[in-house]
Structures are given as structure tokens and as C-alpha cells.
Amino acid sequence: MSVKAPSRCLALTVAAALSTTACAKAPTTERGEREAAMSESTAESRALNGYTYTTEPVEARIGPHRFAFPANYYDDQIGPAIGGGVGLTLMWPGLKAAPPGTRPTRSMADHYRAISVSIDYVDKVPVSGLLQRMASTEATTEDGAIERTDPRRRLDLLTPGTPQFGLVPYTIDETRMDAYAQAYSKQRGEAPVRNPRTEKEWYVARSGDDELTTFIRCDQPLNGLNGLVIEGSLLVPDDAPEVASCTHDVVDIPDSLSMTIRYPRVLLNDWRAIEDAVRATMARYRIRTVATVNSNGTI
């Protein structure tokens, strides 16, 4: 509970809200936060199976951070799941939320266009090195284990290719793979299993100081087919037996947040727009504490 003081006035507001220049009386913290989270009007609603789905903001807590995402942005179009972490869904090509109440009756065509976003707070390891850890075997194997040298799972042992749409692709170095297979067979008594469907194609983007900023792993096309093709604003099945997908990881270092984005591989060319849309959505609906200045110049 907040304590009122004659010379200070604090208000909680959504980052996009306009700051005021004076206030006669400060609301309590609880009331101010609630008003900030509910600042967007309920522009749309739909009743379905006894529940009314809306675009009304619903608060989500991710570590110490708080957001007021409209309900239709959440995976279930209701609110955040219990237990930590937040899941959102953006619809391609607009990269916005679907209309409220459409999740339970979503068609297969719309299911293909759904881009899932998982947001988590990172506090067990330094977030600045999280992508590099994902691109190595250090966190998933024991020191000295033969699996730690698997060239399929280490960015430093893969072969970089020609940049494509702002990403550098990496492929398996078969010479290293042969050496690994021999060492693995000698130690384990059998050859390592090779399965093209589980050997991902890796793509990365780096900052000016060569730090990983984007890490994407995609299923390989099957006979050149991704499972879907783009036809206007629709994703239409091709002749492949399954849909190839991508897992796209990025981090927000200042706030210690990680975002995992999943979408069909056919949308890989739109990776930057997708990543930008996720960051913009988080920035737009984050609840921030803003100091309000009194008429005498104090806060």
C-alpha cells in the first residue's frame, strides 16, 4: 500500500500513455496499476459457449515485469497460464492478435498462420549468454561426455554458408561428423543415429560486436517441400506429408527476458518482421512506473 505525501505523486501507467503535468491526489498503488492495465477500451467482444471473449487488457507477470496484453493476444484468448511464463499468438501476415473468440473455432487455414510466442524471465543464468548456450552442448551434456563434441549441436563446429535474407545459415560439417561417428562408436559400441528430420538447419544473426542476437533452428525441407506455400495472405498445403517449422529464439537483455517464437518454415523469410512485431507488442503493453511532476516542479 502506498503512502501519500504532499510533495510527491506517483502514478502507474502503460508506457504508451501520456504523462500528466500535475496531480491533486495520488491514487493508491493498487488502484493506479489496475487503471493502467485496463486503460484500453473493450473494442470487441464475442460470446461463445457461455464465455465472453474480449480485447480487454489482462495483466501478466513475468518475473518482476508486468504487462497488460489484450485478452485476445493470449494463446487461449483469455489470459496467462498459471505457473509462470506467458504465451501469445500473432497471426500472419498482419502479425496482430486474432479477433476475440476465434481460438476455439480456428480453422486449419488459420492454424497454419498462427505464430506462437513464449516469454520467460531468465534468472538462473546470465541472459547475455543465453543464445550462445543454446547454440552449444555445454548446458545439455556432462563435461567429458562424447555427446559434448556432437558437431550437429554446436554452432562452432557447423559450417557457415552464404547469408540469406539477413541470416547466416549453418550446415553440418560431414568431415567432422565422420570423425565424431568413429569416436562415438568406439566409446558407445554403436554409431550415432542420423535422422534428417531431427537434424535442424541453423540460422543466426549477430550484433556489430559479433554477439548472437537471433538464433533460429528449422526442420529441413522434405524433397524441397516445406509443407506449406504462400498464396496471397494464406498458407496452403503442398505435397509434403508434414509441415516443416522453425524455432526462433531472441532475448531482451536489459529486462532478462527470453522469447521463443514458433512458425512454419515457409515464413522464415519474414523472420525480422516477426521478431520486430514480438518486441513491439511487448513494449506497447508493458506497464511501467512513471513519476508525475507536480506544478511546483517536484515529483
C-alpha atoms as a PDB file:
ATOM      1  CA  MET A   1       0.000   0.000   0.000  1.00  0.00           C
ATOM      2  CA  SER A   2       1.366   3.416  -0.906  1.00  0.00           C
ATOM      3  CA  VAL A   3       1.761   6.363   1.481  1.00  0.00           C
ATOM      4  CA  LYS A   4       0.523   9.755   0.297  1.00  0.00           C
ATOM      5  CA  ALA A   5       2.887  12.709   0.691  1.00  0.00           C
ATOM      6  CA  PRO A   6       2.042  16.369  -0.025  1.00  0.00           C
ATOM      7  CA  SER A   7       5.031  16.922  -2.317  1.00  0.00           C
ATOM      8  CA  ARG A   8       5.187  13.627  -4.181  1.00  0.00           C
ATOM      9  CA  CYS A   9       2.804  11.979  -6.592  1.00  0.00           C
ATOM     10  CA  LEU A  10       3.366   8.626  -8.278  1.00  0.00           C
ATOM     11  CA  ALA A  11       1.133   7.098 -10.912  1.00  0.00           C
ATOM     12  CA  LEU A  12       1.390   3.800 -12.686  1.00  0.00           C
ATOM     13  CA  THR A  13       0.663   3.939 -16.383  1.00  0.00           C
ATOM     14  CA  VAL A  14       1.060   1.922 -19.521  1.00  0.00           C
ATOM     15  CA  ALA A  15       4.217   3.082 -21.344  1.00  0.00           C
ATOM     16  CA  ALA A  16       2.239   4.399 -24.276  1.00  0.00           C
ATOM     17  CA  ALA A  17       0.026   6.595 -22.083  1.00  0.00           C
ATOM     18  CA  LEU A  18       0.539  10.375 -21.994  1.00  0.00           C
ATOM     19  CA  SER A  19       2.186  11.651 -18.809  1.00  0.00           C
ATOM     20  CA  THR A  20       0.376  14.385 -16.906  1.00  0.00           C
ATOM     21  CA  THR A  21       1.993  17.516 -15.513  1.00  0.00           C
ATOM     22  CA  ALA A  22       0.197  17.776 -12.204  1.00  0.00           C
ATOM     23  CA  CYS A  23      -1.987  15.831  -9.819  1.00  0.00           C
ATOM     24  CA  ALA A  24      -4.037  16.871  -6.824  1.00  0.00           C
ATOM     25  CA  LYS A  25      -4.184  13.484  -5.145  1.00  0.00           C
ATOM     26  CA  ALA A  26      -2.241  10.284  -5.817  1.00  0.00           C
ATOM     27  CA  PRO A  27      -4.241   7.042  -6.164  1.00  0.00           C
ATOM     28  CA  THR A  28      -3.089   4.059  -4.211  1.00  0.00           C
ATOM     29  CA  THR A  29      -0.588   1.798  -5.971  1.00  0.00           C
ATOM     30  CA  GLU A  30      -3.159  -0.966  -6.384  1.00  0.00           C
ATOM     31  CA  ARG A  31      -5.747   1.308  -7.947  1.00  0.00           C
ATOM     32  CA  GLY A  32      -3.211   3.045 -10.200  1.00  0.00           C
ATOM     33  CA  GLU A  33      -1.886  -0.258 -11.511  1.00  0.00           C
ATOM     34  CA  ARG A  34      -5.366  -1.555 -12.218  1.00  0.00           C
ATOM     35  CA  GLU A  35      -6.315   1.574 -14.118  1.00  0.00           C
ATOM     36  CA  ALA A  36      -3.127   1.324 -16.167  1.00  0.00           C
ATOM     37  CA  ALA A  37      -3.780  -2.297 -17.055  1.00  0.00           C
ATOM     38  CA  MET A  38      -7.348  -1.543 -18.082  1.00  0.00           C
ATOM     39  CA  SER A  39      -6.629   1.653 -19.999  1.00  0.00           C
ATOM     40  CA  GLU A  40      -7.602   0.199 -23.400  1.00  0.00           C
ATOM     41  CA  SER A  41     -11.307   0.181 -24.122  1.00  0.00           C
ATOM     42  CA  THR A  42     -13.083  -3.066 -24.886  1.00  0.00           C
ATOM     43  CA  ALA A  43     -13.492  -2.515 -28.601  1.00  0.00           C
ATOM     44  CA  GLU A  44     -14.526  -6.076 -29.441  1.00  0.00           C
ATOM     45  CA  SER A  45     -16.192  -8.993 -27.719  1.00  0.00           C
ATOM     46  CA  ARG A  46     -17.737 -12.323 -28.660  1.00  0.00           C
ATOM     47  CA  ALA A  47     -19.809 -14.722 -26.574  1.00  0.00           C
ATOM     48  CA  LEU A  48     -19.119 -18.402 -27.207  1.00  0.00           C
ATOM     49  CA  ASN A  49     -20.118 -21.454 -25.158  1.00  0.00           C
ATOM     50  CA  GLY A  50     -21.052 -19.335 -22.160  1.00  0.00           C
ATOM     51  CA  TYR A  51     -17.875 -17.246 -22.109  1.00  0.00           C
ATOM     52  CA  THR A  52     -17.421 -13.726 -23.429  1.00  0.00           C
ATOM     53  CA  TYR A  53     -14.087 -13.229 -25.163  1.00  0.00           C
ATOM     54  CA  THR A  54     -12.887  -9.621 -25.324  1.00  0.00           C
ATOM     55  CA  THR A  55      -9.972  -7.370 -26.223  1.00  0.00           C
ATOM     56  CA  GLU A  56      -9.857  -6.117 -22.638  1.00  0.00           C
ATOM     57  CA  PRO A  57      -6.310  -5.963 -21.165  1.00  0.00           C
ATOM     58  CA  VAL A  58      -5.403  -8.788 -18.782  1.00  0.00           C
ATOM     59  CA  GLU A  59      -2.370  -8.445 -16.541  1.00  0.00           C
ATOM     60  CA  ALA A  60       0.581 -10.825 -16.908  1.00  0.00           C
ATOM     61  CA  ARG A  61       3.546 -11.015 -14.537  1.00  0.00           C
ATOM     62  CA  ILE A  62       6.852 -12.220 -15.975  1.00  0.00           C
ATOM     63  CA  GLY A  63       9.465 -12.164 -13.240  1.00  0.00           C
ATOM     64  CA  PRO A  64       9.445  -8.607 -11.855  1.00  0.00           C
ATOM     65  CA  HIS A  65       7.868  -7.240 -15.036  1.00  0.00           C
ATOM     66  CA  ARG A  66       4.173  -6.609 -15.653  1.00  0.00           C
ATOM     67  CA  PHE A  67       2.258  -6.402 -18.912  1.00  0.00           C
ATOM     68  CA  ALA A  68      -1.332  -5.620 -19.873  1.00  0.00           C
ATOM     69  CA  PHE A  69      -1.824  -7.636 -23.047  1.00  0.00           C
ATOM     70  CA  PRO A  70      -5.337  -7.594 -24.548  1.00  0.00           C
ATOM     71  CA  ALA A  71      -7.019 -10.925 -23.795  1.00  0.00           C
ATOM     72  CA  ASN A  72      -7.137 -11.966 -27.448  1.00  0.00           C
ATOM     73  CA  TYR A  73      -3.319 -11.903 -27.643  1.00  0.00           C
ATOM     74  CA  TYR A  74      -3.022 -14.815 -25.208  1.00  0.00           C
ATOM     75  CA  ASP A  75      -2.849 -18.371 -26.576  1.00  0.00           C
ATOM     76  CA  ASP A  76      -6.298 -19.213 -25.198  1.00  0.00           C
ATOM     77  CA  GLN A  77      -7.604 -15.655 -25.752  1.00  0.00           C
ATOM     78  CA  ILE A  78      -8.380 -15.489 -22.024  1.00  0.00           C
ATOM     79  CA  GLY A  79      -5.212 -14.747 -20.052  1.00  0.00           C
ATOM     80  CA  PRO A  80      -1.800 -16.017 -18.921  1.00  0.00           C
ATOM     81  CA  ALA A  81      -1.333 -19.603 -17.830  1.00  0.00           C
ATOM     82  CA  ILE A  82      -0.800 -20.456 -14.174  1.00  0.00           C
ATOM     83  CA  GLY A  83       2.773 -21.273 -13.206  1.00  0.00           C
ATOM     84  CA  GLY A  84       4.892 -18.624 -14.884  1.00  0.00           C
ATOM     85  CA  GLY A  85       5.745 -17.693 -18.424  1.00  0.00           C
ATOM     86  CA  VAL A  86       3.380 -16.161 -20.933  1.00  0.00           C
ATOM     87  CA  GLY A  87       2.179 -17.493 -24.292  1.00  0.00           C
ATOM     88  CA  LEU A  88       0.902 -15.184 -27.021  1.00  0.00           C
ATOM     89  CA  THR A  89      -0.316 -15.786 -30.574  1.00  0.00           C
ATOM     90  CA  LEU A  90       0.184 -13.469 -33.539  1.00  0.00           C
ATOM     91  CA  MET A  91      -1.498 -14.103 -36.871  1.00  0.00           C
ATOM     92  CA  TRP A  92       0.452 -13.860 -40.129  1.00  0.00           C
ATOM     93  CA  PRO A  93       0.598 -11.734 -42.263  1.00  0.00           C
ATOM     94  CA  GLY A  94      -0.632  -8.824 -40.110  1.00  0.00           C
ATOM     95  CA  LEU A  95       1.301 -10.052 -37.030  1.00  0.00           C
ATOM     96  CA  LYS A  96      -1.507  -8.951 -34.715  1.00  0.00           C
ATOM     97  CA  ALA A  97      -3.861 -10.907 -32.469  1.00  0.00           C
ATOM     98  CA  ALA A  98      -6.815 -12.792 -33.921  1.00  0.00           C
ATOM     99  CA  PRO A  99     -10.297 -11.373 -33.219  1.00  0.00           C
ATOM    100  CA  PRO A 100     -11.605 -12.390 -29.759  1.00  0.00           C
ATOM    101  CA  GLY A 101     -13.397 -15.719 -29.528  1.00  0.00           C
ATOM    102  CA  THR A 102     -11.868 -17.228 -32.674  1.00  0.00           C
ATOM    103  CA  ARG A 103      -9.396 -19.568 -30.941  1.00  0.00           C
ATOM    104  CA  PRO A 104     -11.882 -22.366 -30.087  1.00  0.00           C
ATOM    105  CA  THR A 105     -13.206 -22.469 -33.656  1.00  0.00           C
ATOM    106  CA  ARG A 106      -9.971 -21.726 -35.529  1.00  0.00           C
ATOM    107  CA  SER A 107      -9.875 -23.272 -38.999  1.00  0.00           C
ATOM    108  CA  MET A 108      -6.883 -25.255 -40.238  1.00  0.00           C
ATOM    109  CA  ALA A 109      -6.081 -22.396 -42.619  1.00  0.00           C
ATOM    110  CA  ASP A 110      -5.883 -20.006 -39.660  1.00  0.00           C
ATOM    111  CA  HIS A 111      -3.988 -22.561 -37.595  1.00  0.00           C
ATOM    112  CA  TYR A 112      -1.229 -22.523 -40.223  1.00  0.00           C
ATOM    113  CA  ARG A 113      -0.982 -18.724 -39.893  1.00  0.00           C
ATOM    114  CA  ALA A 114      -0.733 -18.733 -36.090  1.00  0.00           C
ATOM    115  CA  ILE A 115       2.677 -17.745 -34.713  1.00  0.00           C
ATOM    116  CA  SER A 116       3.230 -18.751 -31.091  1.00  0.00           C
ATOM    117  CA  VAL A 117       5.372 -16.709 -28.710  1.00  0.00           C
ATOM    118  CA  SER A 118       6.609 -17.950 -25.317  1.00  0.00           C
ATOM    119  CA  ILE A 119       8.038 -15.317 -22.969  1.00  0.00           C
ATOM    120  CA  ASP A 120      10.053 -16.248 -19.877  1.00  0.00           C
ATOM    121  CA  TYR A 121      12.084 -14.491 -17.226  1.00  0.00           C
ATOM    122  CA  VAL A 122      15.726 -15.610 -17.103  1.00  0.00           C
ATOM    123  CA  ASP A 123      17.283 -15.588 -13.631  1.00  0.00           C
ATOM    124  CA  LYS A 124      19.286 -18.824 -13.347  1.00  0.00           C
ATOM    125  CA  VAL A 125      21.965 -17.956 -15.927  1.00  0.00           C
ATOM    126  CA  PRO A 126      23.206 -14.657 -17.405  1.00  0.00           C
ATOM    127  CA  VAL A 127      20.738 -13.689 -20.123  1.00  0.00           C
ATOM    128  CA  SER A 128      23.530 -12.103 -22.168  1.00  0.00           C
ATOM    129  CA  GLY A 129      24.980 -15.539 -22.919  1.00  0.00           C
ATOM    130  CA  LEU A 130      21.720 -17.462 -23.237  1.00  0.00           C
ATOM    131  CA  LEU A 131      21.655 -17.740 -27.043  1.00  0.00           C
ATOM    132  CA  GLN A 132      25.273 -18.882 -27.105  1.00  0.00           C
ATOM    133  CA  ARG A 133      24.431 -21.598 -24.553  1.00  0.00           C
ATOM    134  CA  MET A 134      21.510 -22.702 -26.726  1.00  0.00           C
ATOM    135  CA  ALA A 135      23.901 -22.976 -29.671  1.00  0.00           C
ATOM    136  CA  SER A 136      26.240 -25.311 -27.787  1.00  0.00           C
ATOM    137  CA  THR A 137      26.132 -28.596 -25.878  1.00  0.00           C
ATOM    138  CA  GLU A 138      27.512 -27.158 -22.643  1.00  0.00           C
ATOM    139  CA  ALA A 139      24.165 -26.914 -20.860  1.00  0.00           C
ATOM    140  CA  THR A 140      22.819 -30.296 -22.005  1.00  0.00           C
ATOM    141  CA  THR A 141      25.811 -32.656 -21.671  1.00  0.00           C
ATOM    142  CA  GLU A 142      28.289 -33.621 -18.967  1.00  0.00           C
ATOM    143  CA  ASP A 143      31.865 -32.439 -19.095  1.00  0.00           C
ATOM    144  CA  GLY A 144      33.944 -35.062 -20.919  1.00  0.00           C
ATOM    145  CA  ALA A 145      30.952 -36.858 -22.464  1.00  0.00           C
ATOM    146  CA  ILE A 146      31.310 -37.805 -26.136  1.00  0.00           C
ATOM    147  CA  GLU A 147      27.954 -36.134 -26.818  1.00  0.00           C
ATOM    148  CA  ARG A 148      29.513 -32.767 -25.951  1.00  0.00           C
ATOM    149  CA  THR A 149      31.533 -32.966 -29.203  1.00  0.00           C
ATOM    150  CA  ASP A 150      28.497 -33.656 -31.426  1.00  0.00           C
ATOM    151  CA  PRO A 151      29.049 -31.349 -34.453  1.00  0.00           C
ATOM    152  CA  ARG A 152      25.313 -31.301 -35.201  1.00  0.00           C
ATOM    153  CA  ARG A 153      24.589 -29.437 -31.977  1.00  0.00           C
ATOM    154  CA  ARG A 154      27.424 -26.915 -31.748  1.00  0.00           C
ATOM    155  CA  LEU A 155      27.476 -23.696 -33.726  1.00  0.00           C
ATOM    156  CA  ASP A 156      31.265 -23.522 -33.529  1.00  0.00           C
ATOM    157  CA  LEU A 157      31.515 -26.904 -35.301  1.00  0.00           C
ATOM    158  CA  LEU A 158      28.967 -26.191 -38.048  1.00  0.00           C
ATOM    159  CA  THR A 159      29.859 -24.709 -41.435  1.00  0.00           C
ATOM    160  CA  PRO A 160      28.624 -21.173 -42.222  1.00  0.00           C
ATOM    161  CA  GLY A 161      27.082 -20.550 -45.623  1.00  0.00           C
ATOM    162  CA  THR A 162      26.176 -17.578 -47.776  1.00  0.00           C
ATOM    163  CA  PRO A 163      23.932 -15.085 -45.926  1.00  0.00           C
ATOM    164  CA  GLN A 164      20.227 -15.279 -46.802  1.00  0.00           C
ATOM    165  CA  PHE A 165      17.692 -12.513 -46.026  1.00  0.00           C
ATOM    166  CA  GLY A 166      19.843 -11.152 -43.212  1.00  0.00           C
ATOM    167  CA  LEU A 167      20.710 -14.509 -41.632  1.00  0.00           C
ATOM    168  CA  VAL A 168      23.799 -16.710 -41.870  1.00  0.00           C
ATOM    169  CA  PRO A 169      22.856 -20.376 -42.438  1.00  0.00           C
ATOM    170  CA  TYR A 170      24.904 -23.148 -40.832  1.00  0.00           C
ATOM    171  CA  THR A 171      25.074 -26.756 -42.015  1.00  0.00           C
ATOM    172  CA  ILE A 172      26.639 -29.953 -40.693  1.00  0.00           C
ATOM    173  CA  ASP A 173      30.329 -30.444 -41.485  1.00  0.00           C
ATOM    174  CA  GLU A 174      30.332 -34.043 -42.699  1.00  0.00           C
ATOM    175  CA  THR A 175      34.092 -34.417 -42.181  1.00  0.00           C
ATOM    176  CA  ARG A 176      33.645 -33.546 -38.518  1.00  0.00           C
ATOM    177  CA  MET A 177      30.565 -35.759 -38.398  1.00  0.00           C
ATOM    178  CA  ASP A 178      32.552 -38.759 -39.672  1.00  0.00           C
ATOM    179  CA  ALA A 179      35.213 -38.221 -37.010  1.00  0.00           C
ATOM    180  CA  TYR A 180      32.529 -37.878 -34.339  1.00  0.00           C
ATOM    181  CA  ALA A 181      30.792 -41.060 -35.522  1.00  0.00           C
ATOM    182  CA  GLN A 182      34.030 -43.027 -35.227  1.00  0.00           C
ATOM    183  CA  ALA A 183      34.749 -41.711 -31.728  1.00  0.00           C
ATOM    184  CA  TYR A 184      31.134 -42.276 -30.675  1.00  0.00           C
ATOM    185  CA  SER A 185      31.114 -45.868 -31.989  1.00  0.00           C
ATOM    186  CA  LYS A 186      34.377 -46.642 -30.214  1.00  0.00           C
ATOM    187  CA  GLN A 187      33.007 -45.397 -26.897  1.00  0.00           C
ATOM    188  CA  ARG A 188      29.351 -46.459 -27.149  1.00  0.00           C
ATOM    189  CA  GLY A 189      29.668 -49.573 -29.282  1.00  0.00           C
ATOM    190  CA  GLU A 190      27.259 -48.291 -31.932  1.00  0.00           C
ATOM    191  CA  ALA A 191      27.049 -45.494 -34.471  1.00  0.00           C
ATOM    192  CA  PRO A 192      25.152 -42.289 -33.648  1.00  0.00           C
ATOM    193  CA  VAL A 193      21.659 -42.195 -35.131  1.00  0.00           C
ATOM    194  CA  ARG A 194      21.253 -39.963 -38.193  1.00  0.00           C
ATOM    195  CA  ASN A 195      17.763 -38.680 -38.966  1.00  0.00           C
ATOM    196  CA  PRO A 196      17.360 -35.767 -41.408  1.00  0.00           C
ATOM    197  CA  ARG A 197      14.062 -34.793 -39.741  1.00  0.00           C
ATOM    198  CA  THR A 198      15.821 -34.163 -36.428  1.00  0.00           C
ATOM    199  CA  GLU A 199      18.971 -32.572 -37.853  1.00  0.00           C
ATOM    200  CA  LYS A 200      17.920 -28.939 -37.961  1.00  0.00           C
ATOM    201  CA  GLU A 201      19.156 -26.208 -40.232  1.00  0.00           C
ATOM    202  CA  TRP A 202      20.522 -23.346 -38.146  1.00  0.00           C
ATOM    203  CA  TYR A 203      20.364 -19.616 -38.922  1.00  0.00           C
ATOM    204  CA  VAL A 204      21.848 -16.795 -36.865  1.00  0.00           C
ATOM    205  CA  ALA A 205      22.123 -13.017 -36.817  1.00  0.00           C
ATOM    206  CA  ARG A 206      24.848 -11.207 -34.900  1.00  0.00           C
ATOM    207  CA  SER A 207      25.419  -7.754 -33.489  1.00  0.00           C
ATOM    208  CA  GLY A 208      28.242  -5.459 -34.545  1.00  0.00           C
ATOM    209  CA  ASP A 209      30.435  -6.929 -31.780  1.00  0.00           C
ATOM    210  CA  ASP A 210      29.741 -10.474 -33.067  1.00  0.00           C
ATOM    211  CA  GLU A 211      27.322 -11.466 -30.287  1.00  0.00           C
ATOM    212  CA  LEU A 212      24.369 -13.682 -31.211  1.00  0.00           C
ATOM    213  CA  THR A 213      21.139 -11.679 -31.399  1.00  0.00           C
ATOM    214  CA  THR A 214      18.893 -14.170 -33.226  1.00  0.00           C
ATOM    215  CA  PHE A 215      19.078 -17.973 -33.189  1.00  0.00           C
ATOM    216  CA  ILE A 216      16.738 -19.969 -35.441  1.00  0.00           C
ATOM    217  CA  ARG A 217      16.524 -23.746 -35.966  1.00  0.00           C
ATOM    218  CA  CYS A 218      14.337 -25.122 -38.734  1.00  0.00           C
ATOM    219  CA  ASP A 219      13.214 -28.536 -39.938  1.00  0.00           C
ATOM    220  CA  GLN A 220      14.788 -29.479 -43.234  1.00  0.00           C
ATOM    221  CA  PRO A 221      12.515 -29.388 -46.290  1.00  0.00           C
ATOM    222  CA  LEU A 222      11.369 -32.812 -47.458  1.00  0.00           C
ATOM    223  CA  ASN A 223      12.268 -33.227 -51.122  1.00  0.00           C
ATOM    224  CA  GLY A 224      12.408 -29.458 -51.377  1.00  0.00           C
ATOM    225  CA  LEU A 225       8.924 -29.001 -49.885  1.00  0.00           C
ATOM    226  CA  ASN A 226       8.147 -27.065 -46.691  1.00  0.00           C
ATOM    227  CA  GLY A 227       4.655 -28.475 -46.202  1.00  0.00           C
ATOM    228  CA  LEU A 228       3.061 -25.103 -46.950  1.00  0.00           C
ATOM    229  CA  VAL A 229       3.272 -22.497 -49.707  1.00  0.00           C
ATOM    230  CA  ILE A 230       2.309 -18.832 -49.584  1.00  0.00           C
ATOM    231  CA  GLU A 231      -0.673 -17.856 -51.721  1.00  0.00           C
ATOM    232  CA  GLY A 232      -1.506 -14.219 -51.076  1.00  0.00           C
ATOM    233  CA  SER A 233      -2.417 -13.942 -47.396  1.00  0.00           C
ATOM    234  CA  LEU A 234      -2.932 -17.694 -46.991  1.00  0.00           C
ATOM    235  CA  LEU A 235      -0.638 -20.644 -46.271  1.00  0.00           C
ATOM    236  CA  VAL A 236      -1.716 -23.590 -48.394  1.00  0.00           C
ATOM    237  CA  PRO A 237      -0.521 -27.218 -48.002  1.00  0.00           C
ATOM    238  CA  ASP A 238       1.799 -28.621 -50.649  1.00  0.00           C
ATOM    239  CA  ASP A 239       2.533 -32.312 -51.290  1.00  0.00           C
ATOM    240  CA  ALA A 240       4.811 -32.819 -48.273  1.00  0.00           C
ATOM    241  CA  PRO A 241       3.470 -35.246 -45.623  1.00  0.00           C
ATOM    242  CA  GLU A 242       4.146 -32.785 -42.789  1.00  0.00           C
ATOM    243  CA  VAL A 243       4.768 -29.103 -42.188  1.00  0.00           C
ATOM    244  CA  ALA A 244       8.362 -28.004 -41.566  1.00  0.00           C
ATOM    245  CA  SER A 245       8.626 -25.485 -38.736  1.00  0.00           C
ATOM    246  CA  CYS A 246      11.135 -23.071 -37.210  1.00  0.00           C
ATOM    247  CA  THR A 247      12.001 -22.269 -33.601  1.00  0.00           C
ATOM    248  CA  HIS A 248      13.265 -18.695 -33.276  1.00  0.00           C
ATOM    249  CA  ASP A 249      14.961 -17.535 -30.056  1.00  0.00           C
ATOM    250  CA  VAL A 250      15.790 -13.957 -29.040  1.00  0.00           C
ATOM    251  CA  VAL A 251      16.475 -12.199 -25.745  1.00  0.00           C
ATOM    252  CA  ASP A 252      15.761  -8.872 -24.100  1.00  0.00           C
ATOM    253  CA  ILE A 253      18.988  -8.320 -22.173  1.00  0.00           C
ATOM    254  CA  PRO A 254      18.011  -5.221 -20.108  1.00  0.00           C
ATOM    255  CA  ASP A 255      14.884  -6.963 -18.765  1.00  0.00           C
ATOM    256  CA  SER A 256      16.347 -10.516 -18.613  1.00  0.00           C
ATOM    257  CA  LEU A 257      13.585 -11.947 -20.815  1.00  0.00           C
ATOM    258  CA  SER A 258      13.762 -14.709 -23.404  1.00  0.00           C
ATOM    259  CA  MET A 259      11.299 -15.103 -26.266  1.00  0.00           C
ATOM    260  CA  THR A 260      10.800 -18.338 -28.210  1.00  0.00           C
ATOM    261  CA  ILE A 261       8.812 -17.893 -31.420  1.00  0.00           C
ATOM    262  CA  ARG A 262       7.471 -20.796 -33.486  1.00  0.00           C
ATOM    263  CA  TYR A 263       6.124 -20.622 -37.037  1.00  0.00           C
ATOM    264  CA  PRO A 264       6.054 -22.593 -40.313  1.00  0.00           C
ATOM    265  CA  ARG A 265       9.380 -22.694 -42.140  1.00  0.00           C
ATOM    266  CA  VAL A 266       7.789 -21.145 -45.220  1.00  0.00           C
ATOM    267  CA  LEU A 267       7.672 -17.880 -43.209  1.00  0.00           C
ATOM    268  CA  LEU A 268      11.415 -17.838 -42.490  1.00  0.00           C
ATOM    269  CA  ASN A 269      11.913 -15.016 -44.979  1.00  0.00           C
ATOM    270  CA  ASP A 270       9.730 -12.864 -42.667  1.00  0.00           C
ATOM    271  CA  TRP A 271      11.844 -13.588 -39.586  1.00  0.00           C
ATOM    272  CA  ARG A 272      12.835  -9.977 -38.995  1.00  0.00           C
ATOM    273  CA  ALA A 273       9.272  -8.643 -39.268  1.00  0.00           C
ATOM    274  CA  ILE A 274       8.095 -11.389 -36.897  1.00  0.00           C
ATOM    275  CA  GLU A 275      10.823 -10.627 -34.366  1.00  0.00           C
ATOM    276  CA  ASP A 276      10.155  -6.886 -34.580  1.00  0.00           C
ATOM    277  CA  ALA A 277       6.416  -7.478 -34.070  1.00  0.00           C
ATOM    278  CA  VAL A 278       7.068  -9.506 -30.915  1.00  0.00           C
ATOM    279  CA  ARG A 279       9.327  -6.829 -29.450  1.00  0.00           C
ATOM    280  CA  ALA A 280       6.875  -4.065 -30.392  1.00  0.00           C
ATOM    281  CA  THR A 281       3.964  -5.934 -28.783  1.00  0.00           C
ATOM    282  CA  MET A 282       5.897  -6.356 -25.539  1.00  0.00           C
ATOM    283  CA  ALA A 283       6.951  -2.706 -25.483  1.00  0.00           C
ATOM    284  CA  ARG A 284       3.437  -1.477 -26.228  1.00  0.00           C
ATOM    285  CA  TYR A 285       1.710  -3.385 -23.453  1.00  0.00           C
ATOM    286  CA  ARG A 286       4.314  -3.212 -20.729  1.00  0.00           C
ATOM    287  CA  ILE A 287       3.219  -1.472 -17.517  1.00  0.00           C
ATOM    288  CA  ARG A 288       5.853   0.971 -16.337  1.00  0.00           C
ATOM    289  CA  THR A 289       6.117   3.193 -13.272  1.00  0.00           C
ATOM    290  CA  VAL A 290       6.255   6.823 -14.345  1.00  0.00           C
ATOM    291  CA  ALA A 291       6.878   9.744 -12.000  1.00  0.00           C
ATOM    292  CA  THR A 292       4.288  12.505 -12.344  1.00  0.00           C
ATOM    293  CA  VAL A 293       5.584  16.057 -11.910  1.00  0.00           C
ATOM    294  CA  ASN A 294       3.645  18.447  -9.641  1.00  0.00           C
ATOM    295  CA  SER A 295       3.008  22.071 -10.579  1.00  0.00           C
ATOM    296  CA  ASN A 296       5.855  23.197  -8.287  1.00  0.00           C
ATOM    297  CA  GLY A 297       8.322  21.051 -10.212  1.00  0.00           C
ATOM    298  CA  THR A 298       8.621  18.268  -7.638  1.00  0.00           C
ATOM    299  CA  ILE A 299       7.629  14.613  -8.105  1.00  0.00           C
END
